[in-house]
Structure formats: C-alpha cells, structure tokens
Amino acid sequence: MTKSSEAGARPARAGAFEARIEVRDLTMAFGDFVVMRDLNFIVRRGDILVVMGGSGCGKSTLLRHMIGLLEPARGEILYEGKSFTRASTEERQHMLRRFGVTYQSGALWSSMTLAENVALPLAEFTDLSEWEIRAIARLKLSLVGLKGFEDYYPSQISGGMQKRAALARAMALDPDVLFFDEPSAGLDPISTRLLNELIIELRDSLGATIMVVTHDLASIFMIANNSVFLDGISRRMIAQGDPRELRDHCDIPAVQKFLRPDFESRAEAQTDG
C-alpha cells in the first residue's frame, strides 16, 4: 500500500494531524457478498479526503457506513476517538447531529422552498424560535451564493444551484464533518469548479473535515489533500495519500490507470520503445 507523506497543496489548518475519523478493520458486506474488507485509514481534522475507485467498488457504500445507514460486517468507525459503530442509539443520534450530508441527487424536498429545506433540521433538532430559524436559513443560503433565492422551489433553479442549496441544508447545524456523495454529478465544468471552490472555502473558513465520494479527476486534484483508493478486484484499499502524490509516485497499476487516463498508452509506448 502506498501512502503519501505530504499534506498536499492545500494543507489543513492548525491541529490537522489530530484524527477526526478513524476506520478500523472495516469489512462491508451484503450477506455473503463482501464489498470491501479490512479497511484501515485515518481522516485528520481539516482534511478534504476523497474516496476513489472504479464504478461499483463500494465508494458510496463506504459513505453510507460512515453515516450509519449501513452497519459493518466487521470492524468499527470512530469519531474523535469515540466508537460510532458501538454507540448506543442516543449516543449515535448525538454524533449524527455533528454531521452534514449531501446526496448525489441533492435530495431537496420539492414541495418546500429553499429556505424551508434549510430550516427543516433546525426546526427538528433545536429549540430556536421561528424568527431565529428563518434568519439562520437565510444566512446559510447566502454563504453558498443563494441570497435572494430563499423563496424559490427546487424546480425553479438550476442543478448547480440545487447542489448548493443541499449544501446549505447540510450546513444548517454547523457540522464538524461534511459528507458529499458525487457532488459534481450532472453538473457542467463551470458549475463543478464553482462547487469545488465552495467546498475548499468551507473547509478553510469553518475548519470542517470533509469526505467526498467522486470519480471526477478534475475535482479530485482540485480539492483533495488526502484520499483512499478502493480496488474492486482485490476488494481492499490499496493506496492512501494526496492524490497528486499518488499520481506522480505510486507504482500500483490500478491507481495509475485511474489517476492517469493515458497510463495504458504511455506504458505501451515504453514497451514498444
């Protein structure tokens, strides 16, 4: 397994080497079918970690394990040293309130305005007044560049704006950890870049730790200072580190093939030479 010793082009803030998330000996399975086995990695405070790998290797399945939608076949997940996997229902609910999650589709409620979507977790999990909730919803939408769109419905805005509105909702409770499942799916290159810039800005301004599932290479190289590579053939994690370092120095063919689309043609040229 290859690991990068560098913090990346965008190092995390002070205290970054303190583990925010730790995955220990995690095996993911559906019945007798093993998706991934023996996953071990650490996400440091302030990291933007990308989960990479080919289609069907278990990237989104890993994210669902991280937020408790699926339970491990073996192993555990810890947040700041406390076991999320073995926590009681009450303890897990308390930990979940420190997470923000955006799904590939955005998952906004179509019958609610953007402000009402953002206000929903605030109304559900806080004792704030209606006026305070409305004010926070406006603030969160403003932070993602949607000031003035509070009363719009999801169907009235573009796909990129829907992604940002979903992020505003994920930020509603000021989470310590943000999870993104294919955030750039369905977006044009300009919208993707704007969303990536927003993710970096949130990490830098809020000190959040961020975990992103994506196969988009431009996004990976733009936002990540850490990554894990899941190999669908061996069903194991075969590399971890800054994706730029893995691209330039990792000698594992599967990793090179993923991070360097020209890898096979370059290898053939070297063989012919």
C-alpha atoms as a PDB file:
ATOM      1  CA  MET A   1       0.000   0.000   0.000  1.00  0.00           C
ATOM      2  CA  THR A   2       1.259   3.435  -0.916  1.00  0.00           C
ATOM      3  CA  LYS A   3       0.972   6.393   1.425  1.00  0.00           C
ATOM      4  CA  SER A   4       1.830   9.989   0.786  1.00  0.00           C
ATOM      5  CA  SER A   5       3.918  11.716   3.424  1.00  0.00           C
ATOM      6  CA  GLU A   6       2.957  15.184   2.198  1.00  0.00           C
ATOM      7  CA  ALA A   7      -0.039  17.208   3.364  1.00  0.00           C
ATOM      8  CA  GLY A   8      -0.873  18.333  -0.182  1.00  0.00           C
ATOM      9  CA  ALA A   9      -1.129  21.621  -1.965  1.00  0.00           C
ATOM     10  CA  ARG A  10      -3.873  22.754   0.386  1.00  0.00           C
ATOM     11  CA  PRO A  11      -2.782  21.660   3.856  1.00  0.00           C
ATOM     12  CA  ALA A  12      -5.383  21.536   6.567  1.00  0.00           C
ATOM     13  CA  ARG A  13      -5.473  24.124   9.309  1.00  0.00           C
ATOM     14  CA  ALA A  14      -3.630  24.005  12.636  1.00  0.00           C
ATOM     15  CA  GLY A  15      -4.237  20.790  14.512  1.00  0.00           C
ATOM     16  CA  ALA A  16      -4.778  18.940  11.250  1.00  0.00           C
ATOM     17  CA  PHE A  17      -2.880  15.856  12.352  1.00  0.00           C
ATOM     18  CA  GLU A  18      -5.387  15.134  15.078  1.00  0.00           C
ATOM     19  CA  ALA A  19      -7.569  12.246  13.882  1.00  0.00           C
ATOM     20  CA  ARG A  20     -11.158  13.329  13.374  1.00  0.00           C
ATOM     21  CA  ILE A  21     -12.243   9.997  11.888  1.00  0.00           C
ATOM     22  CA  GLU A  22     -10.689   6.553  12.183  1.00  0.00           C
ATOM     23  CA  VAL A  23     -11.778   3.446  10.294  1.00  0.00           C
ATOM     24  CA  ARG A  24     -10.555   0.197  11.851  1.00  0.00           C
ATOM     25  CA  ASP A  25     -10.595  -3.207  10.145  1.00  0.00           C
ATOM     26  CA  LEU A  26     -13.855  -2.361   8.387  1.00  0.00           C
ATOM     27  CA  THR A  27     -15.462  -5.059   6.258  1.00  0.00           C
ATOM     28  CA  MET A  28     -18.552  -4.146   4.244  1.00  0.00           C
ATOM     29  CA  ALA A  29     -20.810  -6.937   3.049  1.00  0.00           C
ATOM     30  CA  PHE A  30     -24.326  -7.755   1.935  1.00  0.00           C
ATOM     31  CA  GLY A  31     -24.938 -11.222   3.304  1.00  0.00           C
ATOM     32  CA  ASP A  32     -22.175 -13.466   1.993  1.00  0.00           C
ATOM     33  CA  PHE A  33     -21.092 -10.954  -0.643  1.00  0.00           C
ATOM     34  CA  VAL A  34     -18.094  -8.937   0.562  1.00  0.00           C
ATOM     35  CA  VAL A  35     -17.868  -5.442  -0.943  1.00  0.00           C
ATOM     36  CA  MET A  36     -14.620  -4.378   0.774  1.00  0.00           C
ATOM     37  CA  ARG A  37     -12.578  -5.950   3.540  1.00  0.00           C
ATOM     38  CA  ASP A  38     -10.079  -4.809   6.146  1.00  0.00           C
ATOM     39  CA  LEU A  39     -10.276  -1.059   5.519  1.00  0.00           C
ATOM     40  CA  ASN A  40      -7.984   0.964   7.785  1.00  0.00           C
ATOM     41  CA  PHE A  41      -7.474   4.712   7.430  1.00  0.00           C
ATOM     42  CA  ILE A  42      -7.488   7.993   9.332  1.00  0.00           C
ATOM     43  CA  VAL A  43      -9.054  11.303   8.316  1.00  0.00           C
ATOM     44  CA  ARG A  44      -7.311  14.204  10.026  1.00  0.00           C
ATOM     45  CA  ARG A  45      -9.042  17.292  11.338  1.00  0.00           C
ATOM     46  CA  GLY A  46      -9.383  19.718   8.419  1.00  0.00           C
ATOM     47  CA  ASP A  47      -8.737  17.125   5.697  1.00  0.00           C
ATOM     48  CA  ILE A  48     -10.636  17.014   2.444  1.00  0.00           C
ATOM     49  CA  LEU A  49     -10.483  13.274   1.838  1.00  0.00           C
ATOM     50  CA  VAL A  50     -11.681  11.809  -1.456  1.00  0.00           C
ATOM     51  CA  VAL A  51     -12.803   8.198  -1.790  1.00  0.00           C
ATOM     52  CA  MET A  52     -11.636   6.981  -5.210  1.00  0.00           C
ATOM     53  CA  GLY A  53     -12.003   3.811  -7.249  1.00  0.00           C
ATOM     54  CA  GLY A  54     -13.766   2.316 -10.223  1.00  0.00           C
ATOM     55  CA  SER A  55     -17.524   2.040 -10.620  1.00  0.00           C
ATOM     56  CA  GLY A  56     -19.103  -0.477  -8.270  1.00  0.00           C
ATOM     57  CA  CYS A  57     -16.114  -0.763  -5.930  1.00  0.00           C
ATOM     58  CA  GLY A  58     -18.041   0.407  -2.855  1.00  0.00           C
ATOM     59  CA  LYS A  59     -17.362   4.150  -2.613  1.00  0.00           C
ATOM     60  CA  SER A  60     -20.942   5.193  -1.850  1.00  0.00           C
ATOM     61  CA  THR A  61     -21.385   2.076   0.275  1.00  0.00           C
ATOM     62  CA  LEU A  62     -18.484   3.260   2.430  1.00  0.00           C
ATOM     63  CA  LEU A  63     -20.112   6.677   2.850  1.00  0.00           C
ATOM     64  CA  ARG A  64     -23.355   5.009   3.946  1.00  0.00           C
ATOM     65  CA  HIS A  65     -21.414   3.068   6.560  1.00  0.00           C
ATOM     66  CA  MET A  66     -19.765   6.279   7.757  1.00  0.00           C
ATOM     67  CA  ILE A  67     -23.138   7.909   8.487  1.00  0.00           C
ATOM     68  CA  GLY A  68     -24.843   4.842   9.921  1.00  0.00           C
ATOM     69  CA  LEU A  69     -27.181   3.937   7.061  1.00  0.00           C
ATOM     70  CA  LEU A  70     -25.407   0.569   6.810  1.00  0.00           C
ATOM     71  CA  GLU A  71     -23.765  -1.490   9.543  1.00  0.00           C
ATOM     72  CA  PRO A  72     -20.310  -3.093   9.169  1.00  0.00           C
ATOM     73  CA  ALA A  73     -19.954  -6.842   8.827  1.00  0.00           C
ATOM     74  CA  ARG A  74     -16.794  -6.397  10.916  1.00  0.00           C
ATOM     75  CA  GLY A  75     -14.712  -3.577  12.343  1.00  0.00           C
ATOM     76  CA  GLU A  76     -15.726  -0.127  13.514  1.00  0.00           C
ATOM     77  CA  ILE A  77     -15.724   3.605  12.773  1.00  0.00           C
ATOM     78  CA  LEU A  78     -14.627   6.151  15.357  1.00  0.00           C
ATOM     79  CA  TYR A  79     -15.188   9.905  15.515  1.00  0.00           C
ATOM     80  CA  GLU A  80     -12.679  11.769  17.682  1.00  0.00           C
ATOM     81  CA  GLY A  81     -11.818   8.518  19.428  1.00  0.00           C
ATOM     82  CA  LYS A  82     -15.415   7.517  20.195  1.00  0.00           C
ATOM     83  CA  SER A  83     -16.886   4.460  18.526  1.00  0.00           C
ATOM     84  CA  PHE A  84     -19.795   5.362  16.258  1.00  0.00           C
ATOM     85  CA  THR A  85     -20.367   1.708  15.409  1.00  0.00           C
ATOM     86  CA  ARG A  86     -20.717   0.567  19.019  1.00  0.00           C
ATOM     87  CA  ALA A  87     -22.505   3.667  20.315  1.00  0.00           C
ATOM     88  CA  SER A  88     -25.978   3.460  21.842  1.00  0.00           C
ATOM     89  CA  THR A  89     -28.894   4.842  19.843  1.00  0.00           C
ATOM     90  CA  GLU A  90     -28.879   8.029  21.930  1.00  0.00           C
ATOM     91  CA  GLU A  91     -25.113   8.480  21.603  1.00  0.00           C
ATOM     92  CA  ARG A  92     -25.245   7.865  17.865  1.00  0.00           C
ATOM     93  CA  GLN A  93     -28.014  10.443  17.398  1.00  0.00           C
ATOM     94  CA  HIS A  94     -25.910  12.989  19.249  1.00  0.00           C
ATOM     95  CA  MET A  95     -22.944  12.246  16.988  1.00  0.00           C
ATOM     96  CA  LEU A  96     -25.092  12.391  13.844  1.00  0.00           C
ATOM     97  CA  ARG A  97     -26.083  15.965  14.636  1.00  0.00           C
ATOM     98  CA  ARG A  98     -22.451  16.919  14.067  1.00  0.00           C
ATOM     99  CA  PHE A  99     -22.566  15.543  10.503  1.00  0.00           C
ATOM    100  CA  GLY A 100     -23.761  17.241   7.338  1.00  0.00           C
ATOM    101  CA  VAL A 101     -24.589  15.084   4.312  1.00  0.00           C
ATOM    102  CA  THR A 102     -25.306  15.950   0.684  1.00  0.00           C
ATOM    103  CA  TYR A 103     -26.518  13.218  -1.635  1.00  0.00           C
ATOM    104  CA  GLN A 104     -25.906  12.824  -5.365  1.00  0.00           C
ATOM    105  CA  SER A 105     -29.421  13.969  -6.263  1.00  0.00           C
ATOM    106  CA  GLY A 106     -29.437  16.813  -3.734  1.00  0.00           C
ATOM    107  CA  ALA A 107     -32.496  15.230  -2.045  1.00  0.00           C
ATOM    108  CA  LEU A 108     -34.269  18.545  -1.540  1.00  0.00           C
ATOM    109  CA  TRP A 109     -37.973  18.440  -0.683  1.00  0.00           C
ATOM    110  CA  SER A 110     -39.685  19.596  -3.882  1.00  0.00           C
ATOM    111  CA  SER A 111     -42.740  20.938  -2.013  1.00  0.00           C
ATOM    112  CA  MET A 112     -40.613  23.222   0.177  1.00  0.00           C
ATOM    113  CA  THR A 113     -38.822  26.446  -0.673  1.00  0.00           C
ATOM    114  CA  LEU A 114     -35.049  26.558  -0.350  1.00  0.00           C
ATOM    115  CA  ALA A 115     -35.359  28.379   2.977  1.00  0.00           C
ATOM    116  CA  GLU A 116     -37.827  25.794   4.254  1.00  0.00           C
ATOM    117  CA  ASN A 117     -35.478  22.977   3.212  1.00  0.00           C
ATOM    118  CA  VAL A 118     -32.594  24.550   5.156  1.00  0.00           C
ATOM    119  CA  ALA A 119     -34.854  25.298   8.125  1.00  0.00           C
ATOM    120  CA  LEU A 120     -36.051  21.695   8.446  1.00  0.00           C
ATOM    121  CA  PRO A 121     -33.132  20.292  10.520  1.00  0.00           C
ATOM    122  CA  LEU A 122     -33.104  23.448  12.649  1.00  0.00           C
ATOM    123  CA  ALA A 123     -36.783  23.025  13.484  1.00  0.00           C
ATOM    124  CA  GLU A 124     -36.265  19.312  14.136  1.00  0.00           C
ATOM    125  CA  PHE A 125     -33.164  19.408  16.331  1.00  0.00           C
ATOM    126  CA  THR A 126     -33.023  22.832  18.021  1.00  0.00           C
ATOM    127  CA  ASP A 127     -35.166  24.969  20.326  1.00  0.00           C
ATOM    128  CA  LEU A 128     -34.626  28.094  18.260  1.00  0.00           C
ATOM    129  CA  SER A 129     -37.533  30.430  17.614  1.00  0.00           C
ATOM    130  CA  GLU A 130     -39.183  30.604  14.203  1.00  0.00           C
ATOM    131  CA  TRP A 131     -37.571  34.011  13.611  1.00  0.00           C
ATOM    132  CA  GLU A 132     -34.115  32.677  14.510  1.00  0.00           C
ATOM    133  CA  ILE A 133     -34.556  29.679  12.230  1.00  0.00           C
ATOM    134  CA  ARG A 134     -35.548  31.885   9.293  1.00  0.00           C
ATOM    135  CA  ALA A 135     -32.522  34.116   9.915  1.00  0.00           C
ATOM    136  CA  ILE A 136     -30.116  31.165  10.003  1.00  0.00           C
ATOM    137  CA  ALA A 137     -31.658  29.669   6.850  1.00  0.00           C
ATOM    138  CA  ARG A 138     -31.119  32.961   5.020  1.00  0.00           C
ATOM    139  CA  LEU A 139     -27.532  33.106   6.282  1.00  0.00           C
ATOM    140  CA  LYS A 140     -26.698  29.565   5.176  1.00  0.00           C
ATOM    141  CA  LEU A 141     -28.160  30.180   1.710  1.00  0.00           C
ATOM    142  CA  SER A 142     -26.160  33.398   1.492  1.00  0.00           C
ATOM    143  CA  LEU A 143     -22.958  31.509   2.346  1.00  0.00           C
ATOM    144  CA  VAL A 144     -23.437  29.263  -0.691  1.00  0.00           C
ATOM    145  CA  GLY A 145     -24.259  32.146  -3.030  1.00  0.00           C
ATOM    146  CA  LEU A 146     -28.056  31.837  -2.980  1.00  0.00           C
ATOM    147  CA  LYS A 147     -29.018  35.112  -1.339  1.00  0.00           C
ATOM    148  CA  GLY A 148     -32.318  36.236  -2.838  1.00  0.00           C
ATOM    149  CA  PHE A 149     -33.439  32.692  -3.709  1.00  0.00           C
ATOM    150  CA  GLU A 150     -34.909  31.841  -0.297  1.00  0.00           C
ATOM    151  CA  ASP A 151     -38.494  31.592  -1.586  1.00  0.00           C
ATOM    152  CA  TYR A 152     -37.680  29.633  -4.746  1.00  0.00           C
ATOM    153  CA  TYR A 153     -38.620  25.966  -5.081  1.00  0.00           C
ATOM    154  CA  PRO A 154     -36.022  23.392  -6.226  1.00  0.00           C
ATOM    155  CA  SER A 155     -37.743  23.026  -9.603  1.00  0.00           C
ATOM    156  CA  GLN A 156     -37.235  26.748 -10.254  1.00  0.00           C
ATOM    157  CA  ILE A 157     -33.435  26.712 -10.040  1.00  0.00           C
ATOM    158  CA  SER A 158     -30.575  25.039 -11.928  1.00  0.00           C
ATOM    159  CA  GLY A 159     -28.878  21.771 -10.990  1.00  0.00           C
ATOM    160  CA  GLY A 160     -25.817  23.593  -9.704  1.00  0.00           C
ATOM    161  CA  MET A 161     -27.978  25.818  -7.518  1.00  0.00           C
ATOM    162  CA  GLN A 162     -29.788  22.760  -6.187  1.00  0.00           C
ATOM    163  CA  LYS A 163     -26.425  21.272  -5.175  1.00  0.00           C
ATOM    164  CA  ARG A 164     -25.551  24.484  -3.322  1.00  0.00           C
ATOM    165  CA  ALA A 165     -28.954  24.576  -1.629  1.00  0.00           C
ATOM    166  CA  ALA A 166     -28.412  20.991  -0.457  1.00  0.00           C
ATOM    167  CA  LEU A 167     -25.048  22.070   0.935  1.00  0.00           C
ATOM    168  CA  ALA A 168     -26.709  24.961   2.780  1.00  0.00           C
ATOM    169  CA  ARG A 169     -29.077  22.458   4.387  1.00  0.00           C
ATOM    170  CA  ALA A 170     -26.166  20.164   5.298  1.00  0.00           C
ATOM    171  CA  MET A 171     -24.510  23.158   6.998  1.00  0.00           C
ATOM    172  CA  ALA A 172     -27.622  24.122   8.969  1.00  0.00           C
ATOM    173  CA  LEU A 173     -26.475  22.638  12.273  1.00  0.00           C
ATOM    174  CA  ASP A 174     -22.835  23.810  11.907  1.00  0.00           C
ATOM    175  CA  PRO A 175     -21.438  20.282  11.453  1.00  0.00           C
ATOM    176  CA  ASP A 176     -17.883  19.255  12.239  1.00  0.00           C
ATOM    177  CA  VAL A 177     -17.849  16.755   9.361  1.00  0.00           C
ATOM    178  CA  LEU A 178     -19.360  17.123   5.876  1.00  0.00           C
ATOM    179  CA  PHE A 179     -20.015  14.166   3.568  1.00  0.00           C
ATOM    180  CA  PHE A 180     -20.535  14.552  -0.193  1.00  0.00           C
ATOM    181  CA  ASP A 181     -21.742  11.765  -2.493  1.00  0.00           C
ATOM    182  CA  GLU A 182     -20.752  12.569  -6.101  1.00  0.00           C
ATOM    183  CA  PRO A 183     -21.285  16.341  -5.680  1.00  0.00           C
ATOM    184  CA  SER A 184     -20.416  17.170  -9.302  1.00  0.00           C
ATOM    185  CA  ALA A 185     -22.675  14.525 -10.882  1.00  0.00           C
ATOM    186  CA  GLY A 186     -24.738  16.093 -13.658  1.00  0.00           C
ATOM    187  CA  LEU A 187     -23.005  19.475 -13.480  1.00  0.00           C
ATOM    188  CA  ASP A 188     -21.210  21.291 -16.276  1.00  0.00           C
ATOM    189  CA  PRO A 189     -17.469  22.059 -15.817  1.00  0.00           C
ATOM    190  CA  ILE A 190     -18.054  25.663 -14.699  1.00  0.00           C
ATOM    191  CA  SER A 191     -20.662  24.693 -12.087  1.00  0.00           C
ATOM    192  CA  THR A 192     -18.390  21.884 -10.921  1.00  0.00           C
ATOM    193  CA  ARG A 193     -15.480  24.284 -10.426  1.00  0.00           C
ATOM    194  CA  LEU A 194     -17.652  26.747  -8.508  1.00  0.00           C
ATOM    195  CA  LEU A 195     -18.883  23.958  -6.239  1.00  0.00           C
ATOM    196  CA  ASN A 196     -15.309  22.737  -5.681  1.00  0.00           C
ATOM    197  CA  GLU A 197     -14.206  26.257  -4.768  1.00  0.00           C
ATOM    198  CA  LEU A 198     -17.078  26.430  -2.292  1.00  0.00           C
ATOM    199  CA  ILE A 199     -16.039  23.136  -0.683  1.00  0.00           C
ATOM    200  CA  ILE A 200     -12.479  24.420  -0.206  1.00  0.00           C
ATOM    201  CA  GLU A 201     -13.763  27.722   1.175  1.00  0.00           C
ATOM    202  CA  LEU A 202     -15.955  25.930   3.703  1.00  0.00           C
ATOM    203  CA  ARG A 203     -13.041  23.804   4.864  1.00  0.00           C
ATOM    204  CA  ASP A 204     -10.858  26.878   5.281  1.00  0.00           C
ATOM    205  CA  SER A 205     -13.452  29.165   6.887  1.00  0.00           C
ATOM    206  CA  LEU A 206     -15.297  26.675   9.096  1.00  0.00           C
ATOM    207  CA  GLY A 207     -12.468  24.253   9.838  1.00  0.00           C
ATOM    208  CA  ALA A 208     -14.710  21.387   8.767  1.00  0.00           C
ATOM    209  CA  THR A 209     -13.427  17.921   7.932  1.00  0.00           C
ATOM    210  CA  ILE A 210     -14.779  16.807   4.559  1.00  0.00           C
ATOM    211  CA  MET A 211     -15.189  13.397   2.939  1.00  0.00           C
ATOM    212  CA  VAL A 212     -16.090  13.272  -0.758  1.00  0.00           C
ATOM    213  CA  VAL A 213     -17.048  10.323  -2.953  1.00  0.00           C
ATOM    214  CA  THR A 214     -16.247  11.181  -6.564  1.00  0.00           C
ATOM    215  CA  HIS A 215     -14.761   9.812  -9.777  1.00  0.00           C
ATOM    216  CA  ASP A 216     -14.202  13.264 -11.321  1.00  0.00           C
ATOM    217  CA  LEU A 217     -10.439  13.689 -11.736  1.00  0.00           C
ATOM    218  CA  ALA A 218     -10.512  17.478 -12.037  1.00  0.00           C
ATOM    219  CA  SER A 219     -12.373  17.688  -8.721  1.00  0.00           C
ATOM    220  CA  ILE A 220     -10.068  15.188  -7.048  1.00  0.00           C
ATOM    221  CA  PHE A 221      -6.922  17.133  -7.933  1.00  0.00           C
ATOM    222  CA  MET A 222      -8.536  20.478  -7.107  1.00  0.00           C
ATOM    223  CA  ILE A 223      -9.956  19.819  -3.638  1.00  0.00           C
ATOM    224  CA  ALA A 224      -8.302  16.786  -2.006  1.00  0.00           C
ATOM    225  CA  ASN A 225      -5.288  16.763   0.271  1.00  0.00           C
ATOM    226  CA  ASN A 226      -5.933  13.132   1.202  1.00  0.00           C
ATOM    227  CA  SER A 227      -7.549  10.137  -0.467  1.00  0.00           C
ATOM    228  CA  VAL A 228      -8.187   6.410  -0.247  1.00  0.00           C
ATOM    229  CA  PHE A 229      -8.309   4.140  -3.282  1.00  0.00           C
ATOM    230  CA  LEU A 230     -10.696   1.180  -3.215  1.00  0.00           C
ATOM    231  CA  ASP A 231      -9.856  -1.669  -5.582  1.00  0.00           C
ATOM    232  CA  GLY A 232     -12.876  -3.609  -6.800  1.00  0.00           C
ATOM    233  CA  ILE A 233     -10.819  -6.647  -7.829  1.00  0.00           C
ATOM    234  CA  SER A 234      -8.986  -7.358  -4.573  1.00  0.00           C
ATOM    235  CA  ARG A 235     -11.831  -5.753  -2.566  1.00  0.00           C
ATOM    236  CA  ARG A 236      -9.320  -3.875  -0.474  1.00  0.00           C
ATOM    237  CA  MET A 237      -7.966  -0.376  -0.059  1.00  0.00           C
ATOM    238  CA  ILE A 238      -4.691  -0.404  -1.975  1.00  0.00           C
ATOM    239  CA  ALA A 239      -3.482   3.201  -1.621  1.00  0.00           C
ATOM    240  CA  GLN A 240      -3.880   6.263   0.566  1.00  0.00           C
ATOM    241  CA  GLY A 241      -2.438   9.769   0.368  1.00  0.00           C
ATOM    242  CA  ASP A 242      -2.519  13.048  -1.502  1.00  0.00           C
ATOM    243  CA  PRO A 243      -3.882  12.149  -4.964  1.00  0.00           C
ATOM    244  CA  ARG A 244      -1.223  14.296  -6.667  1.00  0.00           C
ATOM    245  CA  GLU A 245       1.484  12.325  -4.906  1.00  0.00           C
ATOM    246  CA  LEU A 246      -0.199   9.062  -5.829  1.00  0.00           C
ATOM    247  CA  ARG A 247      -0.457  10.175  -9.457  1.00  0.00           C
ATOM    248  CA  ASP A 248       3.223  11.131  -9.616  1.00  0.00           C
ATOM    249  CA  HIS A 249       4.841   8.456  -7.435  1.00  0.00           C
ATOM    250  CA  CYS A 250       2.543   5.472  -6.826  1.00  0.00           C
ATOM    251  CA  ASP A 251       3.626   2.395  -8.821  1.00  0.00           C
ATOM    252  CA  ILE A 252       0.374   0.436  -8.460  1.00  0.00           C
ATOM    253  CA  PRO A 253      -1.088  -0.049 -11.975  1.00  0.00           C
ATOM    254  CA  ALA A 254      -4.746   0.200 -10.899  1.00  0.00           C
ATOM    255  CA  VAL A 255      -4.098   3.536  -9.200  1.00  0.00           C
ATOM    256  CA  GLN A 256      -2.100   4.876 -12.133  1.00  0.00           C
ATOM    257  CA  LYS A 257      -4.774   3.762 -14.599  1.00  0.00           C
ATOM    258  CA  PHE A 258      -7.411   5.665 -12.612  1.00  0.00           C
ATOM    259  CA  LEU A 259      -5.428   8.851 -11.968  1.00  0.00           C
ATOM    260  CA  ARG A 260      -3.683   8.985 -15.354  1.00  0.00           C
ATOM    261  CA  PRO A 261      -6.115   8.221 -18.201  1.00  0.00           C
ATOM    262  CA  ASP A 262      -3.165   8.000 -20.591  1.00  0.00           C
ATOM    263  CA  PHE A 263      -1.422   5.376 -18.446  1.00  0.00           C
ATOM    264  CA  GLU A 264      -2.022   2.391 -20.760  1.00  0.00           C
ATOM    265  CA  SER A 265      -0.979   4.231 -23.928  1.00  0.00           C
ATOM    266  CA  ARG A 266       2.165   5.531 -22.187  1.00  0.00           C
ATOM    267  CA  ALA A 267       3.009   2.011 -20.942  1.00  0.00           C
ATOM    268  CA  GLU A 268       2.554   0.571 -24.455  1.00  0.00           C
ATOM    269  CA  ALA A 269       4.791   3.292 -25.921  1.00  0.00           C
ATOM    270  CA  GLN A 270       7.516   2.485 -23.371  1.00  0.00           C
ATOM    271  CA  THR A 271       7.224  -1.237 -24.193  1.00  0.00           C
ATOM    272  CA  ASP A 272       7.434  -0.574 -27.919  1.00  0.00           C
ATOM    273  CA  GLY A 273      10.435   1.677 -27.344  1.00  0.00           C
END
